């Protein structure tokens, strides 16, 4: 009897893990509907894509807390709203994605650094300079640790930080950051 209960418990656990990926609403699995929404986005059908992403987000919010499908949709919504030049909405979605990634993957994960970089850009575009600067500094430190001192990712962070500093009127510092970014690119092409 105990063996039957243990096997049943194991079977239920396995089904719980695979069920969210294999079942969706009418129209296909969650993943196939996400890919359809991405295709619509890439094809310029932004309204249709947004509707689909919002529906997928509602579904993903009901999944277990460690399931990263919610982050996939949030990332897509960030890009969609950046395309629509709605940076305030993009920022809100990016903050949600970052909070989930920090909780699930940890504060020093590569994907977390991508969200930090994206949020630094969005806050810069929204003229939240102090916050943007703190985020760029965090992204630079994290990306240097994760990818190394000659990585493209670090170069991107230096370039973004340079753009922020220039926008803040700190030209000398901006030039230093731009030079660091360019030096990385030069060292990679040797």
N, C-alpha and C. Protein backbone atom coordinates (compact mmCIF):
# COMPACT_ATOMS: atom_id res chain seq x y z
N UNK A 1 0.82 -1.19 0.00
CA UNK A 1 0.00 0.00 0.00
C UNK A 1 0.87 1.26 0.00
N UNK A 2 1.93 1.26 0.87
CA UNK A 2 2.82 2.42 0.93
C UNK A 2 3.53 2.62 -0.40
N UNK A 3 3.93 1.50 -1.05
CA UNK A 3 4.63 1.59 -2.33
C UNK A 3 3.70 2.20 -3.39
N UNK A 4 2.43 1.82 -3.38
CA UNK A 4 1.45 2.35 -4.33
C UNK A 4 1.26 3.84 -4.11
N UNK A 5 1.19 4.28 -2.85
CA UNK A 5 1.03 5.70 -2.55
C UNK A 5 2.27 6.48 -2.98
N UNK A 6 3.45 5.91 -2.76
CA UNK A 6 4.69 6.58 -3.17
C UNK A 6 4.76 6.71 -4.68
N UNK A 7 4.39 5.67 -5.40
CA UNK A 7 4.39 5.71 -6.86
C UNK A 7 3.37 6.72 -7.36
N UNK A 8 2.22 6.76 -6.74
CA UNK A 8 1.17 7.71 -7.11
C UNK A 8 1.64 9.14 -6.87
N UNK A 9 2.28 9.36 -5.75
CA UNK A 9 2.81 10.69 -5.43
C UNK A 9 3.85 11.11 -6.47
N UNK A 10 4.73 10.19 -6.83
CA UNK A 10 5.74 10.47 -7.84
C UNK A 10 5.10 10.79 -9.18
N UNK A 11 4.11 10.02 -9.58
CA UNK A 11 3.42 10.25 -10.84
C UNK A 11 2.74 11.62 -10.85
N UNK A 12 2.09 11.98 -9.76
CA UNK A 12 1.43 13.28 -9.67
C UNK A 12 2.46 14.40 -9.77
N UNK A 13 3.60 14.23 -9.10
CA UNK A 13 4.65 15.24 -9.16
C UNK A 13 5.18 15.42 -10.58
N UNK A 14 5.39 14.32 -11.28
CA UNK A 14 5.87 14.38 -12.66
C UNK A 14 4.85 15.06 -13.55
N UNK A 15 3.58 14.69 -13.40
CA UNK A 15 2.53 15.31 -14.21
C UNK A 15 2.43 16.81 -13.92
N UNK A 16 2.60 17.19 -12.68
CA UNK A 16 2.54 18.61 -12.32
C UNK A 16 3.66 19.39 -12.99
N UNK A 17 4.82 18.76 -13.15
CA UNK A 17 5.94 19.43 -13.80
C UNK A 17 5.74 19.59 -15.29
N UNK A 18 5.17 18.58 -15.94
CA UNK A 18 5.04 18.66 -17.39
C UNK A 18 3.71 19.24 -17.84
N UNK A 19 2.72 19.25 -17.01
CA UNK A 19 1.40 19.72 -17.41
C UNK A 19 1.40 21.16 -17.93
N UNK A 20 2.03 22.12 -17.24
CA UNK A 20 1.97 23.48 -17.75
C UNK A 20 2.57 23.62 -19.15
N UNK A 21 3.58 22.85 -19.48
CA UNK A 21 4.22 22.97 -20.79
C UNK A 21 3.42 22.29 -21.87
N UNK A 22 2.65 21.27 -21.52
CA UNK A 22 1.99 20.50 -22.57
C UNK A 22 0.52 20.85 -22.76
N UNK A 23 -0.06 21.60 -21.84
CA UNK A 23 -1.47 21.94 -21.98
C UNK A 23 -1.61 23.44 -22.13
N UNK A 24 -2.48 23.83 -22.98
CA UNK A 24 -2.76 25.25 -23.15
C UNK A 24 -4.21 25.41 -23.49
N UNK A 25 -4.59 26.63 -23.76
CA UNK A 25 -5.95 26.87 -24.16
C UNK A 25 -6.09 26.42 -25.61
N UNK A 26 -7.32 26.56 -26.10
CA UNK A 26 -7.54 26.24 -27.51
C UNK A 26 -6.56 27.04 -28.35
N UNK A 27 -5.98 26.41 -29.31
CA UNK A 27 -5.02 27.11 -30.15
C UNK A 27 -3.61 26.63 -29.94
N UNK A 28 -3.38 25.65 -29.08
CA UNK A 28 -2.06 25.08 -28.94
C UNK A 28 -1.50 25.18 -27.55
N UNK A 29 -0.28 24.70 -27.44
CA UNK A 29 0.41 24.74 -26.15
C UNK A 29 0.80 26.19 -25.83
N UNK A 30 1.19 26.40 -24.59
CA UNK A 30 1.63 27.73 -24.18
C UNK A 30 2.79 28.18 -25.06
N UNK A 31 3.77 27.29 -25.25
CA UNK A 31 4.94 27.65 -26.05
C UNK A 31 4.58 27.97 -27.50
N UNK A 32 3.68 27.20 -28.09
CA UNK A 32 3.31 27.48 -29.49
C UNK A 32 2.56 28.81 -29.60
N UNK A 33 1.76 29.13 -28.60
CA UNK A 33 1.05 30.41 -28.62
C UNK A 33 2.02 31.57 -28.37
N UNK A 34 3.04 31.33 -27.54
CA UNK A 34 4.06 32.36 -27.34
C UNK A 34 4.80 32.61 -28.66
N UNK A 35 5.17 31.55 -29.35
CA UNK A 35 5.87 31.70 -30.64
C UNK A 35 4.99 32.43 -31.65
N UNK A 36 3.70 32.16 -31.64
CA UNK A 36 2.75 32.86 -32.54
C UNK A 36 2.73 34.35 -32.21
N UNK A 37 2.71 34.68 -30.92
CA UNK A 37 2.72 36.09 -30.51
C UNK A 37 4.03 36.76 -30.93
N UNK A 38 5.15 36.04 -30.79
CA UNK A 38 6.44 36.58 -31.21
C UNK A 38 6.48 36.82 -32.72
N UNK A 39 5.90 35.89 -33.47
CA UNK A 39 5.85 36.05 -34.92
C UNK A 39 5.02 37.29 -35.28
N UNK A 40 3.87 37.45 -34.62
CA UNK A 40 3.05 38.63 -34.88
C UNK A 40 3.83 39.91 -34.55
N UNK A 41 4.56 39.89 -33.44
CA UNK A 41 5.38 41.05 -33.06
C UNK A 41 6.41 41.34 -34.16
N UNK A 42 7.13 40.32 -34.58
CA UNK A 42 8.16 40.50 -35.60
C UNK A 42 7.58 40.94 -36.94
N UNK A 43 6.33 40.51 -37.22
CA UNK A 43 5.65 40.89 -38.46
C UNK A 43 4.98 42.26 -38.37
N UNK A 44 5.12 42.93 -37.24
CA UNK A 44 4.55 44.27 -37.08
C UNK A 44 3.08 44.28 -36.67
N UNK A 45 2.55 43.14 -36.31
CA UNK A 45 1.15 43.06 -35.85
C UNK A 45 1.15 43.28 -34.34
N UNK A 46 1.46 44.51 -33.94
CA UNK A 46 1.73 44.80 -32.54
C UNK A 46 0.51 44.68 -31.64
N UNK A 47 -0.65 45.09 -32.13
CA UNK A 47 -1.87 44.99 -31.33
C UNK A 47 -2.23 43.54 -31.05
N UNK A 48 -2.14 42.72 -32.08
CA UNK A 48 -2.43 41.29 -31.91
C UNK A 48 -1.41 40.65 -30.98
N UNK A 49 -0.15 41.00 -31.15
CA UNK A 49 0.90 40.45 -30.29
C UNK A 49 0.67 40.86 -28.84
N UNK A 50 0.34 42.12 -28.61
CA UNK A 50 0.12 42.59 -27.24
C UNK A 50 -1.04 41.84 -26.57
N UNK A 51 -2.11 41.65 -27.31
CA UNK A 51 -3.26 40.91 -26.77
C UNK A 51 -2.84 39.49 -26.38
N UNK A 52 -2.10 38.84 -27.27
CA UNK A 52 -1.65 37.47 -26.99
C UNK A 52 -0.68 37.43 -25.81
N UNK A 53 0.26 38.36 -25.77
CA UNK A 53 1.21 38.40 -24.66
C UNK A 53 0.50 38.62 -23.33
N UNK A 54 -0.48 39.51 -23.32
CA UNK A 54 -1.21 39.77 -22.07
C UNK A 54 -1.96 38.52 -21.60
N UNK A 55 -2.54 37.78 -22.54
CA UNK A 55 -3.23 36.53 -22.18
C UNK A 55 -2.23 35.50 -21.65
N UNK A 56 -1.11 35.37 -22.32
CA UNK A 56 -0.07 34.44 -21.88
C UNK A 56 0.47 34.83 -20.50
N UNK A 57 0.58 36.13 -20.25
CA UNK A 57 1.05 36.60 -18.95
C UNK A 57 0.07 36.20 -17.85
N UNK A 58 -1.21 36.37 -18.10
CA UNK A 58 -2.22 35.96 -17.11
C UNK A 58 -2.09 34.48 -16.78
N UNK A 59 -1.87 33.67 -17.81
CA UNK A 59 -1.71 32.23 -17.59
C UNK A 59 -0.40 31.93 -16.84
N UNK A 60 0.66 32.60 -17.24
CA UNK A 60 1.97 32.35 -16.62
C UNK A 60 1.99 32.76 -15.15
N UNK A 61 1.21 33.77 -14.80
CA UNK A 61 1.14 34.22 -13.41
C UNK A 61 0.56 33.14 -12.48
N UNK A 62 -0.14 32.18 -13.05
CA UNK A 62 -0.74 31.09 -12.27
C UNK A 62 0.19 29.89 -12.12
N UNK A 63 1.31 29.92 -12.82
CA UNK A 63 2.26 28.80 -12.78
C UNK A 63 3.08 28.85 -11.49
N UNK A 64 3.78 27.76 -11.17
CA UNK A 64 4.62 27.75 -9.96
C UNK A 64 5.63 28.91 -9.98
N UNK A 65 6.00 29.41 -8.81
CA UNK A 65 6.85 30.60 -8.73
C UNK A 65 8.21 30.48 -9.41
N UNK A 66 8.74 29.28 -9.57
CA UNK A 66 10.06 29.12 -10.19
C UNK A 66 9.98 28.94 -11.71
N UNK A 67 8.76 28.91 -12.25
CA UNK A 67 8.57 28.76 -13.69
C UNK A 67 8.89 30.10 -14.35
N UNK A 68 9.80 30.10 -15.31
CA UNK A 68 10.27 31.34 -15.92
C UNK A 68 9.48 31.79 -17.15
N UNK A 69 8.37 31.11 -17.44
CA UNK A 69 7.58 31.56 -18.59
C UNK A 69 7.02 32.96 -18.38
N UNK A 70 6.73 33.32 -17.14
CA UNK A 70 6.26 34.68 -16.87
C UNK A 70 7.32 35.70 -17.30
N UNK A 71 8.58 35.38 -17.03
CA UNK A 71 9.67 36.29 -17.41
C UNK A 71 9.79 36.37 -18.93
N UNK A 72 9.61 35.26 -19.61
CA UNK A 72 9.66 35.28 -21.08
C UNK A 72 8.64 36.26 -21.64
N UNK A 73 7.43 36.23 -21.09
CA UNK A 73 6.38 37.13 -21.58
C UNK A 73 6.69 38.57 -21.18
N UNK A 74 7.15 38.75 -19.95
CA UNK A 74 7.50 40.11 -19.51
C UNK A 74 8.58 40.71 -20.39
N UNK A 75 9.60 39.91 -20.73
CA UNK A 75 10.66 40.39 -21.62
C UNK A 75 10.09 40.78 -22.99
N UNK A 76 9.18 39.97 -23.49
CA UNK A 76 8.56 40.27 -24.79
C UNK A 76 7.74 41.57 -24.70
N UNK A 77 7.04 41.74 -23.59
CA UNK A 77 6.25 42.97 -23.41
C UNK A 77 7.15 44.20 -23.27
N UNK A 78 8.31 44.03 -22.67
CA UNK A 78 9.28 45.13 -22.60
C UNK A 78 9.65 45.56 -24.02
N UNK A 79 10.02 44.60 -24.85
CA UNK A 79 10.42 44.93 -26.22
C UNK A 79 9.26 45.53 -27.02
N UNK A 80 8.07 44.98 -26.86
CA UNK A 80 6.91 45.49 -27.57
C UNK A 80 6.64 46.95 -27.18
N UNK A 81 6.69 47.25 -25.89
CA UNK A 81 6.40 48.63 -25.47
C UNK A 81 7.54 49.59 -25.79
N UNK A 82 8.77 49.07 -25.87
CA UNK A 82 9.86 49.93 -26.37
C UNK A 82 9.61 50.26 -27.84
N UNK A 83 9.15 49.28 -28.60
CA UNK A 83 8.83 49.51 -30.01
C UNK A 83 7.74 50.56 -30.15
N UNK A 84 6.76 50.51 -29.25
CA UNK A 84 5.66 51.47 -29.26
C UNK A 84 6.06 52.81 -28.62
N UNK A 85 7.31 52.92 -28.20
CA UNK A 85 7.82 54.10 -27.52
C UNK A 85 7.04 54.40 -26.23
N UNK A 86 6.61 53.35 -25.57
CA UNK A 86 5.93 53.47 -24.28
C UNK A 86 6.90 52.97 -23.21
N UNK A 87 7.91 53.77 -22.94
CA UNK A 87 8.99 53.34 -22.05
C UNK A 87 8.55 53.18 -20.61
N UNK A 88 7.54 53.92 -20.18
CA UNK A 88 7.05 53.78 -18.80
C UNK A 88 6.46 52.38 -18.58
N UNK A 89 5.68 51.91 -19.54
CA UNK A 89 5.12 50.56 -19.43
C UNK A 89 6.23 49.52 -19.54
N UNK A 90 7.16 49.74 -20.46
CA UNK A 90 8.28 48.82 -20.61
C UNK A 90 9.07 48.74 -19.30
N UNK A 91 9.27 49.87 -18.64
CA UNK A 91 10.00 49.90 -17.38
C UNK A 91 9.28 49.05 -16.32
N UNK A 92 7.97 49.17 -16.24
CA UNK A 92 7.22 48.41 -15.24
C UNK A 92 7.35 46.90 -15.48
N UNK A 93 7.25 46.49 -16.74
CA UNK A 93 7.41 45.07 -17.06
C UNK A 93 8.84 44.60 -16.78
N UNK A 94 9.81 45.46 -17.08
CA UNK A 94 11.21 45.10 -16.85
C UNK A 94 11.49 44.93 -15.35
N UNK A 95 10.92 45.78 -14.53
CA UNK A 95 11.09 45.66 -13.07
C UNK A 95 10.52 44.33 -12.56
N UNK A 96 9.37 43.96 -13.09
CA UNK A 96 8.77 42.68 -12.69
C UNK A 96 9.66 41.51 -13.11
N UNK A 97 10.16 41.56 -14.33
CA UNK A 97 11.04 40.48 -14.81
C UNK A 97 12.31 40.40 -13.96
N UNK A 98 12.88 41.55 -13.65
CA UNK A 98 14.10 41.58 -12.84
C UNK A 98 13.85 40.98 -11.46
N UNK A 99 12.76 41.34 -10.83
CA UNK A 99 12.44 40.82 -9.49
C UNK A 99 12.32 39.30 -9.51
N UNK A 100 11.68 38.77 -10.54
CA UNK A 100 11.51 37.31 -10.65
C UNK A 100 12.87 36.65 -10.89
N UNK A 101 13.65 37.20 -11.81
CA UNK A 101 14.96 36.61 -12.10
C UNK A 101 15.86 36.63 -10.88
N UNK A 102 15.85 37.72 -10.15
CA UNK A 102 16.68 37.79 -8.94
C UNK A 102 16.25 36.73 -7.93
N UNK A 103 14.94 36.53 -7.81
CA UNK A 103 14.42 35.56 -6.85
C UNK A 103 14.70 34.12 -7.30
N UNK A 104 14.51 33.84 -8.58
CA UNK A 104 14.63 32.47 -9.09
C UNK A 104 16.07 32.11 -9.46
N UNK A 105 16.74 32.98 -10.19
CA UNK A 105 18.09 32.67 -10.69
C UNK A 105 19.19 33.21 -9.79
N UNK A 106 18.88 34.24 -9.02
CA UNK A 106 19.87 34.85 -8.15
C UNK A 106 20.33 36.19 -8.69
N UNK A 107 20.86 37.04 -7.82
CA UNK A 107 21.25 38.40 -8.23
C UNK A 107 22.49 38.46 -9.10
N UNK A 108 23.25 37.36 -9.20
CA UNK A 108 24.48 37.39 -9.98
C UNK A 108 24.44 36.48 -11.21
N UNK A 109 23.26 36.21 -11.70
CA UNK A 109 23.09 35.36 -12.88
C UNK A 109 23.22 36.23 -14.15
N UNK A 110 23.68 35.63 -15.23
CA UNK A 110 23.84 36.36 -16.50
C UNK A 110 22.53 36.96 -16.97
N UNK A 111 21.44 36.22 -16.89
CA UNK A 111 20.14 36.74 -17.34
C UNK A 111 19.68 37.89 -16.45
N UNK A 112 20.03 37.83 -15.17
CA UNK A 112 19.71 38.94 -14.27
C UNK A 112 20.46 40.19 -14.72
N UNK A 113 21.72 40.01 -15.12
CA UNK A 113 22.50 41.17 -15.59
C UNK A 113 21.88 41.78 -16.84
N UNK A 114 21.27 40.95 -17.69
CA UNK A 114 20.59 41.48 -18.88
C UNK A 114 19.42 42.37 -18.49
N UNK A 115 18.64 41.92 -17.49
CA UNK A 115 17.51 42.73 -17.02
C UNK A 115 17.99 44.04 -16.40
N UNK A 116 19.08 43.98 -15.65
CA UNK A 116 19.63 45.20 -15.04
C UNK A 116 20.05 46.18 -16.13
N UNK A 117 20.72 45.67 -17.16
CA UNK A 117 21.14 46.51 -18.28
C UNK A 117 19.93 47.13 -18.97
N UNK A 118 18.90 46.33 -19.20
CA UNK A 118 17.68 46.84 -19.86
C UNK A 118 17.00 47.91 -19.00
N UNK A 119 16.93 47.68 -17.71
CA UNK A 119 16.31 48.66 -16.81
C UNK A 119 17.14 49.94 -16.74
N UNK A 120 18.45 49.82 -16.81
CA UNK A 120 19.32 51.01 -16.84
C UNK A 120 19.00 51.85 -18.07
N UNK A 121 18.83 51.20 -19.21
CA UNK A 121 18.49 51.91 -20.44
C UNK A 121 17.13 52.59 -20.31
N UNK A 122 16.15 51.85 -19.82
CA UNK A 122 14.79 52.42 -19.72
C UNK A 122 14.75 53.60 -18.76
N UNK A 123 15.43 53.49 -17.63
CA UNK A 123 15.42 54.61 -16.70
C UNK A 123 16.16 55.81 -17.30
N UNK A 124 17.19 55.54 -18.10
CA UNK A 124 17.87 56.64 -18.80
C UNK A 124 16.92 57.33 -19.77
N UNK A 125 16.17 56.53 -20.53
CA UNK A 125 15.21 57.10 -21.48
C UNK A 125 14.11 57.89 -20.80
N UNK A 126 13.81 57.53 -19.56
CA UNK A 126 12.78 58.22 -18.78
C UNK A 126 13.36 59.35 -17.92
N UNK A 127 14.64 59.67 -18.15
CA UNK A 127 15.33 60.75 -17.44
C UNK A 127 15.40 60.54 -15.93
N UNK A 128 15.48 59.28 -15.51
CA UNK A 128 15.69 58.94 -14.11
C UNK A 128 17.18 58.67 -13.94
N UNK A 129 17.94 59.75 -14.02
CA UNK A 129 19.39 59.64 -14.17
C UNK A 129 20.09 58.98 -12.97
N UNK A 130 19.72 59.35 -11.76
CA UNK A 130 20.39 58.78 -10.58
C UNK A 130 20.19 57.27 -10.52
N UNK A 131 18.97 56.84 -10.75
CA UNK A 131 18.69 55.40 -10.74
C UNK A 131 19.39 54.70 -11.89
N UNK A 132 19.37 55.32 -13.05
CA UNK A 132 20.02 54.74 -14.22
C UNK A 132 21.51 54.57 -13.97
N UNK A 133 22.13 55.57 -13.37
CA UNK A 133 23.56 55.48 -13.10
C UNK A 133 23.87 54.32 -12.15
N UNK A 134 23.07 54.18 -11.10
CA UNK A 134 23.28 53.07 -10.15
C UNK A 134 23.11 51.72 -10.85
N UNK A 135 22.14 51.63 -11.74
CA UNK A 135 21.91 50.38 -12.47
C UNK A 135 23.05 50.07 -13.44
N UNK A 136 23.55 51.09 -14.15
CA UNK A 136 24.68 50.87 -15.05
C UNK A 136 25.91 50.41 -14.27
N UNK A 137 26.16 51.03 -13.13
CA UNK A 137 27.31 50.62 -12.32
C UNK A 137 27.15 49.17 -11.86
N UNK A 138 25.94 48.82 -11.48
CA UNK A 138 25.67 47.43 -11.06
C UNK A 138 25.87 46.47 -12.23
N UNK A 139 25.36 46.85 -13.40
CA UNK A 139 25.50 46.00 -14.59
C UNK A 139 26.97 45.83 -14.96
N UNK A 140 27.74 46.91 -14.88
CA UNK A 140 29.17 46.83 -15.23
C UNK A 140 29.89 45.87 -14.28
N UNK A 141 29.66 46.04 -12.98
CA UNK A 141 30.33 45.16 -12.00
C UNK A 141 29.94 43.70 -12.21
N UNK A 142 28.67 43.47 -12.42
CA UNK A 142 28.17 42.11 -12.59
C UNK A 142 28.66 41.49 -13.88
N UNK A 143 28.59 42.23 -14.96
CA UNK A 143 29.02 41.69 -16.25
C UNK A 143 30.52 41.44 -16.30
N UNK A 144 31.30 42.28 -15.65
CA UNK A 144 32.74 42.02 -15.61
C UNK A 144 33.01 40.73 -14.85
N UNK A 145 32.27 40.52 -13.77
CA UNK A 145 32.43 39.30 -12.96
C UNK A 145 31.98 38.06 -13.74
N UNK A 146 30.86 38.16 -14.42
CA UNK A 146 30.28 37.00 -15.12
C UNK A 146 31.03 36.70 -16.43
N UNK A 147 31.21 37.73 -17.25
CA UNK A 147 31.72 37.53 -18.61
C UNK A 147 33.20 37.82 -18.78
N UNK A 148 33.78 38.56 -17.85
CA UNK A 148 35.18 38.90 -17.96
C UNK A 148 35.39 40.32 -18.47
N UNK A 149 36.63 40.81 -18.36
CA UNK A 149 36.93 42.21 -18.67
C UNK A 149 36.94 42.56 -20.16
N UNK A 150 36.90 41.57 -21.02
CA UNK A 150 36.93 41.84 -22.47
C UNK A 150 35.69 41.33 -23.18
N UNK A 151 34.57 41.36 -22.49
CA UNK A 151 33.35 40.81 -23.08
C UNK A 151 32.52 41.87 -23.81
N UNK A 152 31.81 41.41 -24.80
CA UNK A 152 30.88 42.28 -25.54
C UNK A 152 29.84 42.85 -24.57
N UNK A 153 29.36 42.02 -23.65
CA UNK A 153 28.34 42.46 -22.71
C UNK A 153 28.85 43.63 -21.86
N UNK A 154 30.09 43.54 -21.41
CA UNK A 154 30.67 44.63 -20.62
C UNK A 154 30.82 45.88 -21.49
N UNK A 155 31.23 45.69 -22.72
CA UNK A 155 31.35 46.81 -23.65
C UNK A 155 30.00 47.51 -23.82
N UNK A 156 28.93 46.74 -23.94
CA UNK A 156 27.59 47.32 -24.08
C UNK A 156 27.23 48.16 -22.85
N UNK A 157 27.57 47.65 -21.67
CA UNK A 157 27.27 48.40 -20.44
C UNK A 157 28.06 49.70 -20.39
N UNK A 158 29.34 49.65 -20.78
CA UNK A 158 30.14 50.87 -20.82
C UNK A 158 29.55 51.89 -21.80
N UNK A 159 29.12 51.41 -22.97
CA UNK A 159 28.54 52.32 -23.96
C UNK A 159 27.25 52.96 -23.44
N UNK A 160 26.39 52.14 -22.82
CA UNK A 160 25.15 52.69 -22.26
C UNK A 160 25.43 53.71 -21.17
N UNK A 161 26.38 53.39 -20.31
CA UNK A 161 26.74 54.29 -19.23
C UNK A 161 27.33 55.58 -19.81
N UNK A 162 28.12 55.45 -20.85
CA UNK A 162 28.68 56.62 -21.52
C UNK A 162 27.56 57.52 -22.05
N UNK A 163 26.56 56.93 -22.67
CA UNK A 163 25.43 57.71 -23.19
C UNK A 163 24.71 58.45 -22.06
N UNK A 164 24.54 57.78 -20.93
CA UNK A 164 23.90 58.42 -19.77
C UNK A 164 24.74 59.60 -19.29
N UNK A 165 26.03 59.37 -19.10
CA UNK A 165 26.91 60.43 -18.61
C UNK A 165 26.90 61.63 -19.55
N UNK A 166 26.90 61.37 -20.84
CA UNK A 166 26.84 62.46 -21.83
C UNK A 166 25.53 63.23 -21.69
N UNK A 167 24.44 62.52 -21.49
CA UNK A 167 23.13 63.15 -21.33
C UNK A 167 23.09 63.99 -20.05
N UNK A 168 23.88 63.60 -19.05
CA UNK A 168 23.94 64.33 -17.78
C UNK A 168 24.95 65.48 -17.84
N UNK A 169 25.63 65.64 -18.97
CA UNK A 169 26.59 66.72 -19.12
C UNK A 169 27.96 66.40 -18.54
N UNK A 170 28.23 65.15 -18.24
CA UNK A 170 29.51 64.72 -17.67
C UNK A 170 30.37 64.13 -18.79
N UNK A 171 30.78 65.01 -19.68
CA UNK A 171 31.44 64.62 -20.93
C UNK A 171 32.76 63.88 -20.72
N UNK A 172 33.58 64.35 -19.80
CA UNK A 172 34.89 63.70 -19.59
C UNK A 172 34.70 62.26 -19.13
N UNK A 173 33.78 62.04 -18.20
CA UNK A 173 33.51 60.68 -17.73
C UNK A 173 32.89 59.83 -18.85
N UNK A 174 32.02 60.47 -19.64
CA UNK A 174 31.40 59.77 -20.77
C UNK A 174 32.46 59.29 -21.75
N UNK A 175 33.43 60.16 -22.01
CA UNK A 175 34.52 59.78 -22.92
C UNK A 175 35.34 58.62 -22.37
N UNK A 176 35.56 58.61 -21.07
CA UNK A 176 36.30 57.50 -20.44
C UNK A 176 35.55 56.18 -20.64
N UNK A 177 34.26 56.20 -20.41
CA UNK A 177 33.45 54.97 -20.56
C UNK A 177 33.42 54.53 -22.02
N UNK A 178 33.29 55.49 -22.93
CA UNK A 178 33.27 55.17 -24.36
C UNK A 178 34.62 54.56 -24.76
N UNK A 179 35.70 55.11 -24.24
CA UNK A 179 37.04 54.58 -24.54
C UNK A 179 37.20 53.15 -24.02
N UNK A 180 36.67 52.87 -22.84
CA UNK A 180 36.73 51.51 -22.29
C UNK A 180 35.97 50.55 -23.20
N UNK A 181 34.80 50.97 -23.65
CA UNK A 181 34.00 50.13 -24.56
C UNK A 181 34.76 49.87 -25.85
N UNK A 182 35.35 50.91 -26.41
CA UNK A 182 36.08 50.78 -27.67
C UNK A 182 37.32 49.91 -27.50
N UNK A 183 38.00 50.03 -26.37
CA UNK A 183 39.19 49.21 -26.12
C UNK A 183 38.83 47.74 -26.08
N UNK A 184 37.70 47.41 -25.47
CA UNK A 184 37.25 46.01 -25.45
C UNK A 184 37.04 45.52 -26.88
N UNK A 185 36.36 46.32 -27.69
CA UNK A 185 36.10 45.91 -29.07
C UNK A 185 37.40 45.75 -29.86
N UNK A 186 38.34 46.68 -29.65
CA UNK A 186 39.64 46.58 -30.34
C UNK A 186 40.38 45.32 -29.90
N UNK A 187 40.35 45.02 -28.60
CA UNK A 187 41.08 43.83 -28.11
C UNK A 187 40.48 42.54 -28.64
N UNK A 188 39.22 42.56 -28.94
CA UNK A 188 38.56 41.36 -29.46
C UNK A 188 38.84 41.15 -30.94
N UNK A 189 39.19 42.22 -31.63
CA UNK A 189 39.42 42.10 -33.08
C UNK A 189 40.88 41.81 -33.42
N UNK A 190 41.72 41.77 -32.40
CA UNK A 190 43.16 41.49 -32.64
C UNK A 190 43.40 40.04 -32.85
